[in-house]
Amino acid sequence: SIPIYHDERANPEEEGVAQEYPLTKDEYEAIFQPRYSIPKGPIIRSSAR
C-alpha cells in the first residue's frame, strides 16, 4: 500500500505543488523512493496498521 502514489493520482493539486518545487520529477521521485522502497517488508506492514 503506497499512499504516495495514491495521493499523486487522487490529488491533482499535488502535481501543481510538485511543479512549484525546484526539483525535477526525477529528483522528486528519487527523494521519496528510499522512503517507500524499504527492503524490510514487515516494517511497512506494521506501519500500515
PDB file of N, CA and C in Angstrom:
ATOM      1  N   SER A   1       0.847  -1.216   0.000  1.00  0.00           N
ATOM      2  CA  SER A   1       0.000   0.000   0.000  1.00  0.00           C
ATOM      3  C   SER A   1       0.878   1.261   0.000  1.00  0.00           C
ATOM      4  N   ILE A   2       0.965   1.924  -1.138  1.00  0.00           N
ATOM      5  CA  ILE A   2       1.807   3.126  -1.240  1.00  0.00           C
ATOM      6  C   ILE A   2       0.914   4.364  -1.316  1.00  0.00           C
ATOM      7  N   PRO A   3       0.738   5.064  -0.196  1.00  0.00           N
ATOM      8  CA  PRO A   3      -0.129   6.254  -0.156  1.00  0.00           C
ATOM      9  C   PRO A   3       0.427   7.379  -1.021  1.00  0.00           C
ATOM     10  N   ILE A   4       1.723   7.390  -1.235  1.00  0.00           N
ATOM     11  CA  ILE A   4       2.338   8.472  -2.019  1.00  0.00           C
ATOM     12  C   ILE A   4       1.762   8.472  -3.434  1.00  0.00           C
ATOM     13  N   TYR A   5       1.786   7.302  -4.088  1.00  0.00           N
ATOM     14  CA  TYR A   5       1.270   7.223  -5.464  1.00  0.00           C
ATOM     15  C   TYR A   5      -0.217   7.555  -5.479  1.00  0.00           C
ATOM     16  N   HIS A   6      -0.938   7.031  -4.496  1.00  0.00           N
ATOM     17  CA  HIS A   6      -2.392   7.258  -4.440  1.00  0.00           C
ATOM     18  C   HIS A   6      -2.671   8.754  -4.326  1.00  0.00           C
ATOM     19  N   ASP A   7      -1.920   9.426  -3.467  1.00  0.00           N
ATOM     20  CA  ASP A   7      -2.140  10.869  -3.280  1.00  0.00           C
ATOM     21  C   ASP A   7      -1.888  11.616  -4.589  1.00  0.00           C
ATOM     22  N   GLU A   8      -0.818  11.241  -5.287  1.00  0.00           N
ATOM     23  CA  GLU A   8      -0.486  11.943  -6.537  1.00  0.00           C
ATOM     24  C   GLU A   8      -1.629  11.808  -7.541  1.00  0.00           C
ATOM     25  N   ARG A   9      -2.202  10.625  -7.631  1.00  0.00           N
ATOM     26  CA  ARG A   9      -3.272  10.405  -8.618  1.00  0.00           C
ATOM     27  C   ARG A   9      -4.599  10.973  -8.097  1.00  0.00           C
ATOM     28  N   ALA A  10      -4.863  10.764  -6.829  1.00  0.00           N
ATOM     29  CA  ALA A  10      -6.148  11.215  -6.268  1.00  0.00           C
ATOM     30  C   ALA A  10      -6.155  12.742  -6.159  1.00  0.00           C
ATOM     31  N   ASN A  11      -5.016  13.327  -5.825  1.00  0.00           N
ATOM     32  CA  ASN A  11      -4.957  14.789  -5.661  1.00  0.00           C
ATOM     33  C   ASN A  11      -4.220  15.432  -6.833  1.00  0.00           C
ATOM     34  N   PRO A  12      -4.939  15.917  -7.807  1.00  0.00           N
ATOM     35  CA  PRO A  12      -4.301  16.585  -8.950  1.00  0.00           C
ATOM     36  C   PRO A  12      -3.545  17.832  -8.511  1.00  0.00           C
ATOM     37  N   GLU A  13      -3.941  18.391  -7.388  1.00  0.00           N
ATOM     38  CA  GLU A  13      -3.256  19.595  -6.879  1.00  0.00           C
ATOM     39  C   GLU A  13      -1.800  19.269  -6.547  1.00  0.00           C
ATOM     40  N   GLU A  14      -1.555  18.019  -6.161  1.00  0.00           N
ATOM     41  CA  GLU A  14      -0.180  17.625  -5.819  1.00  0.00           C
ATOM     42  C   GLU A  14       0.749  17.958  -6.986  1.00  0.00           C
ATOM     43  N   GLU A  15       0.267  17.706  -8.212  1.00  0.00           N
ATOM     44  CA  GLU A  15       1.105  17.984  -9.389  1.00  0.00           C
ATOM     45  C   GLU A  15       1.489  19.459  -9.410  1.00  0.00           C
ATOM     46  N   GLY A  16       0.517  20.326  -9.119  1.00  0.00           N
ATOM     47  CA  GLY A  16       0.802  21.759  -9.109  1.00  0.00           C
ATOM     48  C   GLY A  16       1.868  22.079  -8.069  1.00  0.00           C
ATOM     49  N   VAL A  17       1.765  21.460  -6.913  1.00  0.00           N
ATOM     50  CA  VAL A  17       2.758  21.712  -5.862  1.00  0.00           C
ATOM     51  C   VAL A  17       4.125  21.216  -6.306  1.00  0.00           C
ATOM     52  N   ALA A  18       4.151  20.047  -6.927  1.00  0.00           N
ATOM     53  CA  ALA A  18       5.426  19.477  -7.383  1.00  0.00           C
ATOM     54  C   ALA A  18       6.088  20.429  -8.380  1.00  0.00           C
ATOM     55  N   GLN A  19       5.280  21.045  -9.244  1.00  0.00           N
ATOM     56  CA  GLN A  19       5.841  21.975 -10.231  1.00  0.00           C
ATOM     57  C   GLN A  19       6.495  23.160  -9.519  1.00  0.00           C
ATOM     58  N   GLU A  20       5.891  23.586  -8.427  1.00  0.00           N
ATOM     59  CA  GLU A  20       6.469  24.727  -7.692  1.00  0.00           C
ATOM     60  C   GLU A  20       7.850  24.364  -7.147  1.00  0.00           C
ATOM     61  N   TYR A  21       8.011  23.110  -6.770  1.00  0.00           N
ATOM     62  CA  TYR A  21       9.303  22.672  -6.225  1.00  0.00           C
ATOM     63  C   TYR A  21      10.394  22.847  -7.280  1.00  0.00           C
ATOM     64  N   PRO A  22      11.576  23.250  -6.853  1.00  0.00           N
ATOM     65  CA  PRO A  22      12.696  23.448  -7.791  1.00  0.00           C
ATOM     66  C   PRO A  22      13.258  22.119  -8.292  1.00  0.00           C
ATOM     67  N   LEU A  23      12.867  21.037  -7.647  1.00  0.00           N
ATOM     68  CA  LEU A  23      13.387  19.722  -8.061  1.00  0.00           C
ATOM     69  C   LEU A  23      12.567  19.174  -9.225  1.00  0.00           C
ATOM     70  N   THR A  24      13.236  18.442 -10.095  1.00  0.00           N
ATOM     71  CA  THR A  24      12.524  17.851 -11.234  1.00  0.00           C
ATOM     72  C   THR A  24      11.759  16.618 -10.769  1.00  0.00           C
ATOM     73  N   LYS A  25      10.906  16.093 -11.642  1.00  0.00           N
ATOM     74  CA  LYS A  25      10.104  14.929 -11.234  1.00  0.00           C
ATOM     75  C   LYS A  25      11.030  13.768 -10.881  1.00  0.00           C
ATOM     76  N   ASP A  26      12.123  13.622 -11.633  1.00  0.00           N
ATOM     77  CA  ASP A  26      13.065  12.526 -11.352  1.00  0.00           C
ATOM     78  C   ASP A  26      13.646  12.691  -9.948  1.00  0.00           C
ATOM     79  N   GLU A  27      14.079  13.899  -9.639  1.00  0.00           N
ATOM     80  CA  GLU A  27      14.665  14.138  -8.307  1.00  0.00           C
ATOM     81  C   GLU A  27      13.595  13.949  -7.233  1.00  0.00           C
ATOM     82  N   TYR A  28      12.404  14.455  -7.513  1.00  0.00           N
ATOM     83  CA  TYR A  28      11.315  14.344  -6.529  1.00  0.00           C
ATOM     84  C   TYR A  28      11.071  12.879  -6.193  1.00  0.00           C
ATOM     85  N   GLU A  29      11.039  12.033  -7.250  1.00  0.00           N
ATOM     86  CA  GLU A  29      10.799  10.598  -7.018  1.00  0.00           C
ATOM     87  C   GLU A  29      11.994   9.988  -6.297  1.00  0.00           C
ATOM     88  N   ALA A  30      13.200  10.383  -6.690  1.00  0.00           N
ATOM     89  CA  ALA A  30      14.410   9.822  -6.078  1.00  0.00           C
ATOM     90  C   ALA A  30      14.408  10.091  -4.574  1.00  0.00           C
ATOM     91  N   ILE A  31      13.924  11.259  -4.173  1.00  0.00           N
ATOM     92  CA  ILE A  31      13.911  11.596  -2.737  1.00  0.00           C
ATOM     93  C   ILE A  31      12.890  10.734  -1.997  1.00  0.00           C
ATOM     94  N   PHE A  32      11.746  10.506  -2.634  1.00  0.00           N
ATOM     95  CA  PHE A  32      10.710   9.714  -1.961  1.00  0.00           C
ATOM     96  C   PHE A  32      10.928   8.218  -2.150  1.00  0.00           C
ATOM     97  N   GLN A  33      11.691   7.845  -3.173  1.00  0.00           N
ATOM     98  CA  GLN A  33      11.918   6.423  -3.446  1.00  0.00           C
ATOM     99  C   GLN A  33      12.440   5.689  -2.217  1.00  0.00           C
ATOM    100  N   PRO A  34      13.562   6.131  -1.645  1.00  0.00           N
ATOM    101  CA  PRO A  34      14.123   5.419  -0.477  1.00  0.00           C
ATOM    102  C   PRO A  34      13.116   5.294   0.660  1.00  0.00           C
ATOM    103  N   ARG A  35      12.169   6.219   0.735  1.00  0.00           N
ATOM    104  CA  ARG A  35      11.204   6.170   1.851  1.00  0.00           C
ATOM    105  C   ARG A  35      10.258   4.979   1.677  1.00  0.00           C
ATOM    106  N   TYR A  36       9.681   4.813   0.494  1.00  0.00           N
ATOM    107  CA  TYR A  36       8.725   3.723   0.313  1.00  0.00           C
ATOM    108  C   TYR A  36       9.396   2.524  -0.356  1.00  0.00           C
ATOM    109  N   SER A  37      10.717   2.608  -0.581  1.00  0.00           N
ATOM    110  CA  SER A  37      11.426   1.493  -1.211  1.00  0.00           C
ATOM    111  C   SER A  37      12.234   0.741  -0.150  1.00  0.00           C
ATOM    112  N   ILE A  38      11.685   0.656   1.053  1.00  0.00           N
ATOM    113  CA  ILE A  38      12.404  -0.030   2.138  1.00  0.00           C
ATOM    114  C   ILE A  38      12.411  -1.541   1.871  1.00  0.00           C
ATOM    115  N   PRO A  39      13.579  -2.163   1.942  1.00  0.00           N
ATOM    116  CA  PRO A  39      13.686  -3.609   1.680  1.00  0.00           C
ATOM    117  C   PRO A  39      13.014  -4.438   2.765  1.00  0.00           C
ATOM    118  N   LYS A  40      12.736  -3.816   3.893  1.00  0.00           N
ATOM    119  CA  LYS A  40      12.117  -4.572   5.003  1.00  0.00           C
ATOM    120  C   LYS A  40      10.593  -4.512   4.878  1.00  0.00           C
ATOM    121  N   GLY A  41      10.002  -5.593   4.430  1.00  0.00           N
ATOM    122  CA  GLY A  41       8.541  -5.635   4.246  1.00  0.00           C
ATOM    123  C   GLY A  41       7.786  -5.558   5.561  1.00  0.00           C
ATOM    124  N   PRO A  42       8.183  -6.371   6.550  1.00  0.00           N
ATOM    125  CA  PRO A  42       7.432  -6.418   7.828  1.00  0.00           C
ATOM    126  C   PRO A  42       7.266  -5.031   8.442  1.00  0.00           C
ATOM    127  N   ILE A  43       8.266  -4.187   8.325  1.00  0.00           N
ATOM    128  CA  ILE A  43       8.179  -2.849   8.932  1.00  0.00           C
ATOM    129  C   ILE A  43       7.050  -2.058   8.265  1.00  0.00           C
ATOM    130  N   ILE A  44       6.972  -2.149   6.940  1.00  0.00           N
ATOM    131  CA  ILE A  44       5.927  -1.402   6.217  1.00  0.00           C
ATOM    132  C   ILE A  44       4.557  -1.909   6.664  1.00  0.00           C
ATOM    133  N   ARG A  45       4.433  -3.242   6.797  1.00  0.00           N
ATOM    134  CA  ARG A  45       3.130  -3.801   7.194  1.00  0.00           C
ATOM    135  C   ARG A  45       2.768  -3.292   8.596  1.00  0.00           C
ATOM    136  N   SER A  46       3.735  -3.276   9.483  1.00  0.00           N
ATOM    137  CA  SER A  46       3.451  -2.821  10.853  1.00  0.00           C
ATOM    138  C   SER A  46       3.019  -1.352  10.825  1.00  0.00           C
ATOM    139  N   SER A  47       3.674  -0.563   9.994  1.00  0.00           N
ATOM    140  CA  SER A  47       3.339   0.868   9.921  1.00  0.00           C
ATOM    141  C   SER A  47       1.929   1.040   9.363  1.00  0.00           C
ATOM    142  N   ALA A  48       1.578   0.192   8.397  1.00  0.00           N
ATOM    143  CA  ALA A  48       0.247   0.315   7.768  1.00  0.00           C
ATOM    144  C   ALA A  48      -0.832   0.132   8.827  1.00  0.00           C
ATOM    145  N   ARG A  49      -0.572  -0.753   9.785  1.00  0.00           N
ATOM    146  CA  ARG A  49      -1.602  -0.999  10.813  1.00  0.00           C
ATOM    147  C   ARG A  49      -1.546   0.154  11.775  1.00  0.00           C
TER     148      ARG A  49
END
